[in-house]
Amino acid sequence: MPLPAIPPRCACGGLLRPGVVWFGEPLPFETLQAALEEARSCDLLLVVGTSAVVYPAVGVAHAAVEAGHPVIEINPDETPLTPHATVSLRGRAGEILPRICTP
């Protein structure tokens, strides 16, 4: 059996694209605005596994902080967001999330 093409292609011959934003690409404006609005009105924001240095995405966490909402950062290392987080948990997301999400 032949190996699949990398990157994968659509039946039309075009490249298949996952629903992600690659480095150097802008976030869709509407998506960013919706995320900022949600962060300003959330009860709690989880920030998981990010360096917290890539803008404008890190601005979502800062919007929650500025609105006075609790922010929990989960990351193996300290980030520029750490001093602003309500709680900062050190470790891998795959280990910490199951522990905090288990009733």
PDB file of N, CA and C in Angstrom:
ATOM      1  N   MET A   1       0.845  -1.169   0.000  1.00  0.00           N
ATOM      2  CA  MET A   1       0.000   0.000   0.000  1.00  0.00           C
ATOM      3  C   MET A   1       0.898   1.242   0.000  1.00  0.00           C
ATOM      4  N   PRO A   2       0.639   2.219  -0.901  1.00  0.00           N
ATOM      5  CA  PRO A   2       1.474   3.422  -0.944  1.00  0.00           C
ATOM      6  C   PRO A   2       1.213   4.302   0.278  1.00  0.00           C
ATOM      7  N   LEU A   3       2.239   5.037   0.689  1.00  0.00           N
ATOM      8  CA  LEU A   3       2.095   5.973   1.798  1.00  0.00           C
ATOM      9  C   LEU A   3       1.241   7.155   1.369  1.00  0.00           C
ATOM     10  N   PRO A   4       0.481   7.738   2.304  1.00  0.00           N
ATOM     11  CA  PRO A   4      -0.320   8.917   1.949  1.00  0.00           C
ATOM     12  C   PRO A   4       0.581  10.113   1.637  1.00  0.00           C
ATOM     13  N   ALA A   5       0.073  10.990   0.818  1.00  0.00           N
ATOM     14  CA  ALA A   5       0.815  12.197   0.460  1.00  0.00           C
ATOM     15  C   ALA A   5       0.958  13.095   1.689  1.00  0.00           C
ATOM     16  N   ILE A   6       2.109  13.724   1.819  1.00  0.00           N
ATOM     17  CA  ILE A   6       2.349  14.670   2.905  1.00  0.00           C
ATOM     18  C   ILE A   6       2.701  15.997   2.266  1.00  0.00           C
ATOM     19  N   PRO A   7       1.982  17.048   2.456  1.00  0.00           N
ATOM     20  CA  PRO A   7       0.719  17.104   3.187  1.00  0.00           C
ATOM     21  C   PRO A   7      -0.402  16.447   2.391  1.00  0.00           C
ATOM     22  N   PRO A   8      -1.458  16.025   3.102  1.00  0.00           N
ATOM     23  CA  PRO A   8      -2.543  15.325   2.409  1.00  0.00           C
ATOM     24  C   PRO A   8      -3.255  16.225   1.400  1.00  0.00           C
ATOM     25  N   ARG A   9      -3.791  15.579   0.379  1.00  0.00           N
ATOM     26  CA  ARG A   9      -4.483  16.330  -0.674  1.00  0.00           C
ATOM     27  C   ARG A   9      -5.949  15.917  -0.746  1.00  0.00           C
ATOM     28  N   CYS A  10      -6.766  16.858  -1.138  1.00  0.00           N
ATOM     29  CA  CYS A  10      -8.191  16.655  -1.360  1.00  0.00           C
ATOM     30  C   CYS A  10      -8.376  15.880  -2.675  1.00  0.00           C
ATOM     31  N   ALA A  11      -9.544  15.323  -2.877  1.00  0.00           N
ATOM     32  CA  ALA A  11      -9.845  14.631  -4.131  1.00  0.00           C
ATOM     33  C   ALA A  11      -9.708  15.574  -5.322  1.00  0.00           C
ATOM     34  N   CYS A  12      -9.889  16.896  -5.075  1.00  0.00           N
ATOM     35  CA  CYS A  12      -9.756  17.879  -6.153  1.00  0.00           C
ATOM     36  C   CYS A  12      -8.296  18.183  -6.473  1.00  0.00           C
ATOM     37  N   GLY A  13      -7.368  17.687  -5.652  1.00  0.00           N
ATOM     38  CA  GLY A  13      -5.956  17.924  -5.862  1.00  0.00           C
ATOM     39  C   GLY A  13      -5.371  19.014  -4.983  1.00  0.00           C
ATOM     40  N   GLY A  14      -6.254  19.825  -4.345  1.00  0.00           N
ATOM     41  CA  GLY A  14      -5.771  20.882  -3.456  1.00  0.00           C
ATOM     42  C   GLY A  14      -5.282  20.300  -2.133  1.00  0.00           C
ATOM     43  N   LEU A  15      -4.513  21.095  -1.415  1.00  0.00           N
ATOM     44  CA  LEU A  15      -4.016  20.669  -0.118  1.00  0.00           C
ATOM     45  C   LEU A  15      -5.146  20.693   0.913  1.00  0.00           C
ATOM     46  N   LEU A  16      -5.205  19.643   1.733  1.00  0.00           N
ATOM     47  CA  LEU A  16      -6.138  19.647   2.850  1.00  0.00           C
ATOM     48  C   LEU A  16      -5.534  20.495   3.959  1.00  0.00           C
ATOM     49  N   ARG A  17      -6.341  21.272   4.600  1.00  0.00           N
ATOM     50  CA  ARG A  17      -5.847  22.181   5.626  1.00  0.00           C
ATOM     51  C   ARG A  17      -6.581  21.914   6.933  1.00  0.00           C
ATOM     52  N   PRO A  18      -5.833  21.682   8.011  1.00  0.00           N
ATOM     53  CA  PRO A  18      -6.494  21.507   9.299  1.00  0.00           C
ATOM     54  C   PRO A  18      -7.039  22.851   9.788  1.00  0.00           C
ATOM     55  N   GLY A  19      -7.943  22.814  10.747  1.00  0.00           N
ATOM     56  CA  GLY A  19      -8.543  24.037  11.286  1.00  0.00           C
ATOM     57  C   GLY A  19      -7.642  24.688  12.309  1.00  0.00           C
ATOM     58  N   VAL A  20      -6.460  25.110  11.899  1.00  0.00           N
ATOM     59  CA  VAL A  20      -5.493  25.749  12.785  1.00  0.00           C
ATOM     60  C   VAL A  20      -4.950  27.011  12.126  1.00  0.00           C
ATOM     61  N   VAL A  21      -4.317  27.844  12.925  1.00  0.00           N
ATOM     62  CA  VAL A  21      -3.617  29.009  12.415  1.00  0.00           C
ATOM     63  C   VAL A  21      -2.129  28.707  12.542  1.00  0.00           C
ATOM     64  N   TRP A  22      -1.426  28.733  11.438  1.00  0.00           N
ATOM     65  CA  TRP A  22      -0.001  28.457  11.440  1.00  0.00           C
ATOM     66  C   TRP A  22       0.757  29.688  11.901  1.00  0.00           C
ATOM     67  N   PHE A  23       2.009  29.471  12.370  1.00  0.00           N
ATOM     68  CA  PHE A  23       2.846  30.603  12.759  1.00  0.00           C
ATOM     69  C   PHE A  23       2.993  31.555  11.590  1.00  0.00           C
ATOM     70  N   GLY A  24       2.874  32.829  11.886  1.00  0.00           N
ATOM     71  CA  GLY A  24       3.003  33.850  10.864  1.00  0.00           C
ATOM     72  C   GLY A  24       1.694  34.201  10.176  1.00  0.00           C
ATOM     73  N   GLU A  25       0.653  33.416  10.397  1.00  0.00           N
ATOM     74  CA  GLU A  25      -0.651  33.724   9.809  1.00  0.00           C
ATOM     75  C   GLU A  25      -1.472  34.555  10.790  1.00  0.00           C
ATOM     76  N   PRO A  26      -2.308  35.447  10.282  1.00  0.00           N
ATOM     77  CA  PRO A  26      -3.172  36.205  11.192  1.00  0.00           C
ATOM     78  C   PRO A  26      -4.351  35.349  11.654  1.00  0.00           C
ATOM     79  N   LEU A  27      -4.810  35.639  12.875  1.00  0.00           N
ATOM     80  CA  LEU A  27      -6.053  35.023  13.322  1.00  0.00           C
ATOM     81  C   LEU A  27      -7.195  35.671  12.566  1.00  0.00           C
ATOM     82  N   PRO A  28      -8.242  34.911  12.233  1.00  0.00           N
ATOM     83  CA  PRO A  28      -9.409  35.549  11.618  1.00  0.00           C
ATOM     84  C   PRO A  28      -9.969  36.615  12.579  1.00  0.00           C
ATOM     85  N   PHE A  29     -10.222  37.803  12.067  1.00  0.00           N
ATOM     86  CA  PHE A  29     -10.661  38.933  12.890  1.00  0.00           C
ATOM     87  C   PHE A  29     -11.875  38.591  13.736  1.00  0.00           C
ATOM     88  N   GLU A  30     -12.881  37.983  13.114  1.00  0.00           N
ATOM     89  CA  GLU A  30     -14.118  37.666  13.837  1.00  0.00           C
ATOM     90  C   GLU A  30     -13.853  36.668  14.969  1.00  0.00           C
ATOM     91  N   THR A  31     -12.984  35.719  14.732  1.00  0.00           N
ATOM     92  CA  THR A  31     -12.648  34.719  15.742  1.00  0.00           C
ATOM     93  C   THR A  31     -11.954  35.378  16.931  1.00  0.00           C
ATOM     94  N   LEU A  32     -11.001  36.256  16.650  1.00  0.00           N
ATOM     95  CA  LEU A  32     -10.291  36.949  17.716  1.00  0.00           C
ATOM     96  C   LEU A  32     -11.245  37.825  18.518  1.00  0.00           C
ATOM     97  N   GLN A  33     -12.115  38.553  17.850  1.00  0.00           N
ATOM     98  CA  GLN A  33     -13.060  39.415  18.561  1.00  0.00           C
ATOM     99  C   GLN A  33     -13.994  38.601  19.453  1.00  0.00           C
ATOM    100  N   ALA A  34     -14.459  37.462  18.951  1.00  0.00           N
ATOM    101  CA  ALA A  34     -15.338  36.600  19.749  1.00  0.00           C
ATOM    102  C   ALA A  34     -14.595  36.064  20.969  1.00  0.00           C
ATOM    103  N   ALA A  35     -13.329  35.676  20.799  1.00  0.00           N
ATOM    104  CA  ALA A  35     -12.540  35.170  21.928  1.00  0.00           C
ATOM    105  C   ALA A  35     -12.324  36.253  22.976  1.00  0.00           C
ATOM    106  N   LEU A  36     -12.046  37.473  22.547  1.00  0.00           N
ATOM    107  CA  LEU A  36     -11.863  38.575  23.487  1.00  0.00           C
ATOM    108  C   LEU A  36     -13.153  38.865  24.257  1.00  0.00           C
ATOM    109  N   GLU A  37     -14.279  38.847  23.569  1.00  0.00           N
ATOM    110  CA  GLU A  37     -15.569  39.071  24.243  1.00  0.00           C
ATOM    111  C   GLU A  37     -15.844  37.977  25.272  1.00  0.00           C
ATOM    112  N   GLU A  38     -15.572  36.739  24.913  1.00  0.00           N
ATOM    113  CA  GLU A  38     -15.780  35.624  25.852  1.00  0.00           C
ATOM    114  C   GLU A  38     -14.860  35.765  27.062  1.00  0.00           C
ATOM    115  N   ALA A  39     -13.616  36.138  26.830  1.00  0.00           N
ATOM    116  CA  ALA A  39     -12.659  36.286  27.934  1.00  0.00           C
ATOM    117  C   ALA A  39     -13.079  37.394  28.889  1.00  0.00           C
ATOM    118  N   ARG A  40     -13.668  38.446  28.355  1.00  0.00           N
ATOM    119  CA  ARG A  40     -14.108  39.565  29.201  1.00  0.00           C
ATOM    120  C   ARG A  40     -15.345  39.226  30.030  1.00  0.00           C
ATOM    121  N   SER A  41     -16.027  38.145  29.671  1.00  0.00           N
ATOM    122  CA  SER A  41     -17.253  37.804  30.403  1.00  0.00           C
ATOM    123  C   SER A  41     -17.225  36.399  31.005  1.00  0.00           C
ATOM    124  N   CYS A  42     -16.094  35.724  30.978  1.00  0.00           N
ATOM    125  CA  CYS A  42     -16.015  34.345  31.457  1.00  0.00           C
ATOM    126  C   CYS A  42     -16.041  34.290  32.988  1.00  0.00           C
ATOM    127  N   ASP A  43     -16.345  33.122  33.510  1.00  0.00           N
ATOM    128  CA  ASP A  43     -16.255  32.892  34.949  1.00  0.00           C
ATOM    129  C   ASP A  43     -14.831  32.503  35.334  1.00  0.00           C
ATOM    130  N   LEU A  44     -14.145  31.827  34.433  1.00  0.00           N
ATOM    131  CA  LEU A  44     -12.794  31.332  34.662  1.00  0.00           C
ATOM    132  C   LEU A  44     -12.165  31.035  33.307  1.00  0.00           C
ATOM    133  N   LEU A  45     -10.893  31.391  33.146  1.00  0.00           N
ATOM    134  CA  LEU A  45     -10.190  31.108  31.897  1.00  0.00           C
ATOM    135  C   LEU A  45      -9.032  30.171  32.187  1.00  0.00           C
ATOM    136  N   LEU A  46      -8.972  29.066  31.459  1.00  0.00           N
ATOM    137  CA  LEU A  46      -7.838  28.148  31.518  1.00  0.00           C
ATOM    138  C   LEU A  46      -6.903  28.477  30.360  1.00  0.00           C
ATOM    139  N   VAL A  47      -5.639  28.680  30.666  1.00  0.00           N
ATOM    140  CA  VAL A  47      -4.621  28.925  29.648  1.00  0.00           C
ATOM    141  C   VAL A  47      -3.670  27.744  29.730  1.00  0.00           C
ATOM    142  N   VAL A  48      -3.679  26.905  28.691  1.00  0.00           N
ATOM    143  CA  VAL A  48      -3.005  25.609  28.774  1.00  0.00           C
ATOM    144  C   VAL A  48      -1.929  25.474  27.701  1.00  0.00           C
ATOM    145  N   GLY A  49      -0.703  25.202  28.161  1.00  0.00           N
ATOM    146  CA  GLY A  49       0.385  24.824  27.265  1.00  0.00           C
ATOM    147  C   GLY A  49       0.777  25.864  26.250  1.00  0.00           C
ATOM    148  N   THR A  50       0.950  27.098  26.669  1.00  0.00           N
ATOM    149  CA  THR A  50       1.367  28.139  25.735  1.00  0.00           C
ATOM    150  C   THR A  50       2.557  28.893  26.294  1.00  0.00           C
ATOM    151  N   SER A  51       3.354  29.430  25.417  1.00  0.00           N
ATOM    152  CA  SER A  51       4.484  30.258  25.838  1.00  0.00           C
ATOM    153  C   SER A  51       4.013  31.627  26.316  1.00  0.00           C
ATOM    154  N   ALA A  52       2.798  31.996  25.973  1.00  0.00           N
ATOM    155  CA  ALA A  52       2.210  33.291  26.328  1.00  0.00           C
ATOM    156  C   ALA A  52       3.024  34.464  25.782  1.00  0.00           C
ATOM    157  N   VAL A  53       3.601  34.279  24.616  1.00  0.00           N
ATOM    158  CA  VAL A  53       4.337  35.367  23.980  1.00  0.00           C
ATOM    159  C   VAL A  53       3.819  35.675  22.576  1.00  0.00           C
ATOM    160  N   VAL A  54       2.901  34.884  22.071  1.00  0.00           N
ATOM    161  CA  VAL A  54       2.415  35.074  20.702  1.00  0.00           C
ATOM    162  C   VAL A  54       1.153  35.940  20.726  1.00  0.00           C
ATOM    163  N   TYR A  55       1.292  37.133  20.157  1.00  0.00           N
ATOM    164  CA  TYR A  55       0.148  38.039  20.049  1.00  0.00           C
ATOM    165  C   TYR A  55      -0.461  37.896  18.675  1.00  0.00           C
ATOM    166  N   PRO A  56      -1.749  38.071  18.536  1.00  0.00           N
ATOM    167  CA  PRO A  56      -2.687  38.605  19.507  1.00  0.00           C
ATOM    168  C   PRO A  56      -3.322  37.555  20.422  1.00  0.00           C
ATOM    169  N   ALA A  57      -2.994  36.288  20.261  1.00  0.00           N
ATOM    170  CA  ALA A  57      -3.665  35.247  21.035  1.00  0.00           C
ATOM    171  C   ALA A  57      -3.502  35.439  22.541  1.00  0.00           C
ATOM    172  N   VAL A  58      -2.310  35.809  23.001  1.00  0.00           N
ATOM    173  CA  VAL A  58      -2.110  35.980  24.442  1.00  0.00           C
ATOM    174  C   VAL A  58      -2.952  37.140  24.973  1.00  0.00           C
ATOM    175  N   GLY A  59      -3.364  38.020  24.108  1.00  0.00           N
ATOM    176  CA  GLY A  59      -4.244  39.111  24.513  1.00  0.00           C
ATOM    177  C   GLY A  59      -5.568  38.621  25.068  1.00  0.00           C
ATOM    178  N   VAL A  60      -5.971  37.417  24.673  1.00  0.00           N
ATOM    179  CA  VAL A  60      -7.222  36.843  25.203  1.00  0.00           C
ATOM    180  C   VAL A  60      -7.079  36.623  26.706  1.00  0.00           C
ATOM    181  N   ALA A  61      -5.976  36.071  27.135  1.00  0.00           N
ATOM    182  CA  ALA A  61      -5.753  35.867  28.576  1.00  0.00           C
ATOM    183  C   ALA A  61      -5.692  37.202  29.304  1.00  0.00           C
ATOM    184  N   HIS A  62      -5.009  38.169  28.717  1.00  0.00           N
ATOM    185  CA  HIS A  62      -4.910  39.482  29.362  1.00  0.00           C
ATOM    186  C   HIS A  62      -6.266  40.180  29.425  1.00  0.00           C
ATOM    187  N   ALA A  63      -7.146  39.927  28.473  1.00  0.00           N
ATOM    188  CA  ALA A  63      -8.497  40.501  28.528  1.00  0.00           C
ATOM    189  C   ALA A  63      -9.248  39.971  29.749  1.00  0.00           C
ATOM    190  N   ALA A  64      -9.091  38.696  30.042  1.00  0.00           N
ATOM    191  CA  ALA A  64      -9.741  38.116  31.230  1.00  0.00           C
ATOM    192  C   ALA A  64      -9.143  38.698  32.508  1.00  0.00           C
ATOM    193  N   VAL A  65      -7.819  38.821  32.544  1.00  0.00           N
ATOM    194  CA  VAL A  65      -7.148  39.395  33.721  1.00  0.00           C
ATOM    195  C   VAL A  65      -7.633  40.823  33.947  1.00  0.00           C
ATOM    196  N   GLU A  66      -7.647  41.628  32.892  1.00  0.00           N
ATOM    197  CA  GLU A  66      -8.057  43.029  33.002  1.00  0.00           C
ATOM    198  C   GLU A  66      -9.512  43.169  33.424  1.00  0.00           C
ATOM    199  N   ALA A  67     -10.345  42.193  33.065  1.00  0.00           N
ATOM    200  CA  ALA A  67     -11.761  42.221  33.463  1.00  0.00           C
ATOM    201  C   ALA A  67     -11.954  41.702  34.880  1.00  0.00           C
ATOM    202  N   GLY A  68     -10.863  41.254  35.520  1.00  0.00           N
ATOM    203  CA  GLY A  68     -10.955  40.788  36.896  1.00  0.00           C
ATOM    204  C   GLY A  68     -11.391  39.346  37.049  1.00  0.00           C
ATOM    205  N   HIS A  69     -11.304  38.573  35.979  1.00  0.00           N
ATOM    206  CA  HIS A  69     -11.711  37.171  36.033  1.00  0.00           C
ATOM    207  C   HIS A  69     -10.515  36.290  36.397  1.00  0.00           C
ATOM    208  N   PRO A  70     -10.764  35.192  37.112  1.00  0.00           N
ATOM    209  CA  PRO A  70      -9.658  34.300  37.453  1.00  0.00           C
ATOM    210  C   PRO A  70      -9.100  33.598  36.213  1.00  0.00           C
ATOM    211  N   VAL A  71      -7.774  33.474  36.205  1.00  0.00           N
ATOM    212  CA  VAL A  71      -7.069  32.815  35.109  1.00  0.00           C
ATOM    213  C   VAL A  71      -6.182  31.743  35.725  1.00  0.00           C
ATOM    214  N   ILE A  72      -6.338  30.504  35.251  1.00  0.00           N
ATOM    215  CA  ILE A  72      -5.482  29.412  35.678  1.00  0.00           C
ATOM    216  C   ILE A  72      -4.568  29.072  34.512  1.00  0.00           C
ATOM    217  N   GLU A  73      -3.273  29.175  34.767  1.00  0.00           N
ATOM    218  CA  GLU A  73      -2.260  28.850  33.763  1.00  0.00           C
ATOM    219  C   GLU A  73      -1.725  27.448  34.064  1.00  0.00           C
ATOM    220  N   ILE A  74      -1.697  26.596  33.040  1.00  0.00           N
ATOM    221  CA  ILE A  74      -1.129  25.255  33.157  1.00  0.00           C
ATOM    222  C   ILE A  74      -0.018  25.156  32.127  1.00  0.00           C
ATOM    223  N   ASN A  75       1.221  25.009  32.619  1.00  0.00           N
ATOM    224  CA  ASN A  75       2.360  24.998  31.714  1.00  0.00           C
ATOM    225  C   ASN A  75       3.570  24.423  32.455  1.00  0.00           C
ATOM    226  N   PRO A  76       4.451  23.725  31.767  1.00  0.00           N
ATOM    227  CA  PRO A  76       5.636  23.213  32.452  1.00  0.00           C
ATOM    228  C   PRO A  76       6.562  24.318  32.966  1.00  0.00           C
ATOM    229  N   ASP A  77       6.585  25.450  32.279  1.00  0.00           N
ATOM    230  CA  ASP A  77       7.516  26.529  32.618  1.00  0.00           C
ATOM    231  C   ASP A  77       6.768  27.823  32.904  1.00  0.00           C
ATOM    232  N   GLU A  78       7.425  28.723  33.626  1.00  0.00           N
ATOM    233  CA  GLU A  78       6.868  30.057  33.812  1.00  0.00           C
ATOM    234  C   GLU A  78       6.802  30.756  32.463  1.00  0.00           C
ATOM    235  N   THR A  79       5.833  31.672  32.340  1.00  0.00           N
ATOM    236  CA  THR A  79       5.669  32.451  31.118  1.00  0.00           C
ATOM    237  C   THR A  79       5.478  33.910  31.510  1.00  0.00           C
ATOM    238  N   PRO A  80       5.429  34.813  30.555  1.00  0.00           N
ATOM    239  CA  PRO A  80       5.130  36.201  30.883  1.00  0.00           C
ATOM    240  C   PRO A  80       3.738  36.377  31.503  1.00  0.00           C
ATOM    241  N   LEU A  81       2.860  35.404  31.312  1.00  0.00           N
ATOM    242  CA  LEU A  81       1.524  35.469  31.911  1.00  0.00           C
ATOM    243  C   LEU A  81       1.533  35.071  33.385  1.00  0.00           C
ATOM    244  N   THR A  82       2.510  34.297  33.825  1.00  0.00           N
ATOM    245  CA  THR A  82       2.538  33.738  35.173  1.00  0.00           C
ATOM    246  C   THR A  82       2.267  34.766  36.269  1.00  0.00           C
ATOM    247  N   PRO A  83       2.908  35.933  36.263  1.00  0.00           N
ATOM    248  CA  PRO A  83       2.651  36.884  37.350  1.00  0.00           C
ATOM    249  C   PRO A  83       1.219  37.424  37.374  1.00  0.00           C
ATOM    250  N   HIS A  84       0.511  37.293  36.262  1.00  0.00           N
ATOM    251  CA  HIS A  84      -0.849  37.828  36.163  1.00  0.00           C
ATOM    252  C   HIS A  84      -1.912  36.764  36.415  1.00  0.00           C
ATOM    253  N   ALA A  85      -1.518  35.501  36.379  1.00  0.00           N
ATOM    254  CA  ALA A  85      -2.470  34.405  36.562  1.00  0.00           C
ATOM    255  C   ALA A  85      -2.899  34.325  38.028  1.00  0.00           C
ATOM    256  N   THR A  86      -4.146  33.952  38.230  1.00  0.00           N
ATOM    257  CA  THR A  86      -4.654  33.747  39.581  1.00  0.00           C
ATOM    258  C   THR A  86      -3.978  32.534  40.204  1.00  0.00           C
ATOM    259  N   VAL A  87      -3.854  31.473  39.411  1.00  0.00           N
ATOM    260  CA  VAL A  87      -3.187  30.246  39.825  1.00  0.00           C
ATOM    261  C   VAL A  87      -2.321  29.803  38.652  1.00  0.00           C
ATOM    262  N   SER A  88      -1.095  29.379  38.955  1.00  0.00           N
ATOM    263  CA  SER A  88      -0.203  28.882  37.921  1.00  0.00           C
ATOM    264  C   SER A  88       0.255  27.490  38.328  1.00  0.00           C
ATOM    265  N   LEU A  89      -0.126  26.498  37.545  1.00  0.00           N
ATOM    266  CA  LEU A  89       0.200  25.104  37.841  1.00  0.00           C
ATOM    267  C   LEU A  89       1.306  24.644  36.912  1.00  0.00           C
ATOM    268  N   ARG A  90       2.391  24.140  37.478  1.00  0.00           N
ATOM    269  CA  ARG A  90       3.534  23.673  36.707  1.00  0.00           C
ATOM    270  C   ARG A  90       3.407  22.196  36.402  1.00  0.00           C
ATOM    271  N   GLY A  91       3.451  21.859  35.140  1.00  0.00           N
ATOM    272  CA  GLY A  91       3.409  20.475  34.713  1.00  0.00           C
ATOM    273  C   GLY A  91       2.832  20.359  33.321  1.00  0.00           C
ATOM    274  N   ARG A  92       2.739  19.123  32.874  1.00  0.00           N
ATOM    275  CA  ARG A  92       2.219  18.837  31.542  1.00  0.00           C
ATOM    276  C   ARG A  92       0.691  18.826  31.580  1.00  0.00           C
ATOM    277  N   ALA A  93       0.097  19.368  30.539  1.00  0.00           N
ATOM    278  CA  ALA A  93      -1.360  19.444  30.462  1.00  0.00           C
ATOM    279  C   ALA A  93      -2.000  18.072  30.590  1.00  0.00           C
ATOM    280  N   GLY A  94      -1.398  17.060  29.958  1.00  0.00           N
ATOM    281  CA  GLY A  94      -1.954  15.708  29.997  1.00  0.00           C
ATOM    282  C   GLY A  94      -1.953  15.095  31.380  1.00  0.00           C
ATOM    283  N   GLU A  95      -1.140  15.616  32.263  1.00  0.00           N
ATOM    284  CA  GLU A  95      -1.110  15.123  33.640  1.00  0.00           C
ATOM    285  C   GLU A  95      -1.982  15.968  34.566  1.00  0.00           C
ATOM    286  N   ILE A  96      -1.956  17.282  34.383  1.00  0.00           N
ATOM    287  CA  ILE A  96      -2.681  18.179  35.291  1.00  0.00           C
ATOM    288  C   ILE A  96      -4.172  18.235  34.981  1.00  0.00           C
ATOM    289  N   LEU A  97      -4.545  18.361  33.715  1.00  0.00           N
ATOM    290  CA  LEU A  97      -5.976  18.504  33.385  1.00  0.00           C
ATOM    291  C   LEU A  97      -6.833  17.350  33.906  1.00  0.00           C
ATOM    292  N   PRO A  98      -6.433  16.085  33.738  1.00  0.00           N
ATOM    293  CA  PRO A  98      -7.278  15.014  34.296  1.00  0.00           C
ATOM    294  C   PRO A  98      -7.438  15.117  35.812  1.00  0.00           C
ATOM    295  N   ARG A  99      -6.412  15.606  36.486  1.00  0.00           N
ATOM    296  CA  ARG A  99      -6.484  15.716  37.946  1.00  0.00           C
ATOM    297  C   ARG A  99      -7.429  16.808  38.389  1.00  0.00           C
ATOM    298  N   ILE A 100      -7.459  17.938  37.665  1.00  0.00           N
ATOM    299  CA  ILE A 100      -8.344  19.027  38.092  1.00  0.00           C
ATOM    300  C   ILE A 100      -9.762  18.879  37.532  1.00  0.00           C
ATOM    301  N   CYS A 101      -9.926  18.027  36.536  1.00  0.00           N
ATOM    302  CA  CYS A 101     -11.254  17.856  35.927  1.00  0.00           C
ATOM    303  C   CYS A 101     -12.005  16.643  36.474  1.00  0.00           C
ATOM    304  N   THR A 102     -11.365  15.849  37.327  1.00  0.00           N
ATOM    305  CA  THR A 102     -12.023  14.678  37.899  1.00  0.00           C
ATOM    306  C   THR A 102     -12.859  15.117  39.087  1.00  0.00           C
ATOM    307  N   PRO A 103     -14.165  14.784  39.094  1.00  0.00           N
ATOM    308  CA  PRO A 103     -15.021  15.207  40.215  1.00  0.00           C
ATOM    309  C   PRO A 103     -14.633  14.533  41.514  1.00  0.00           C
TER     310      PRO A 103
END
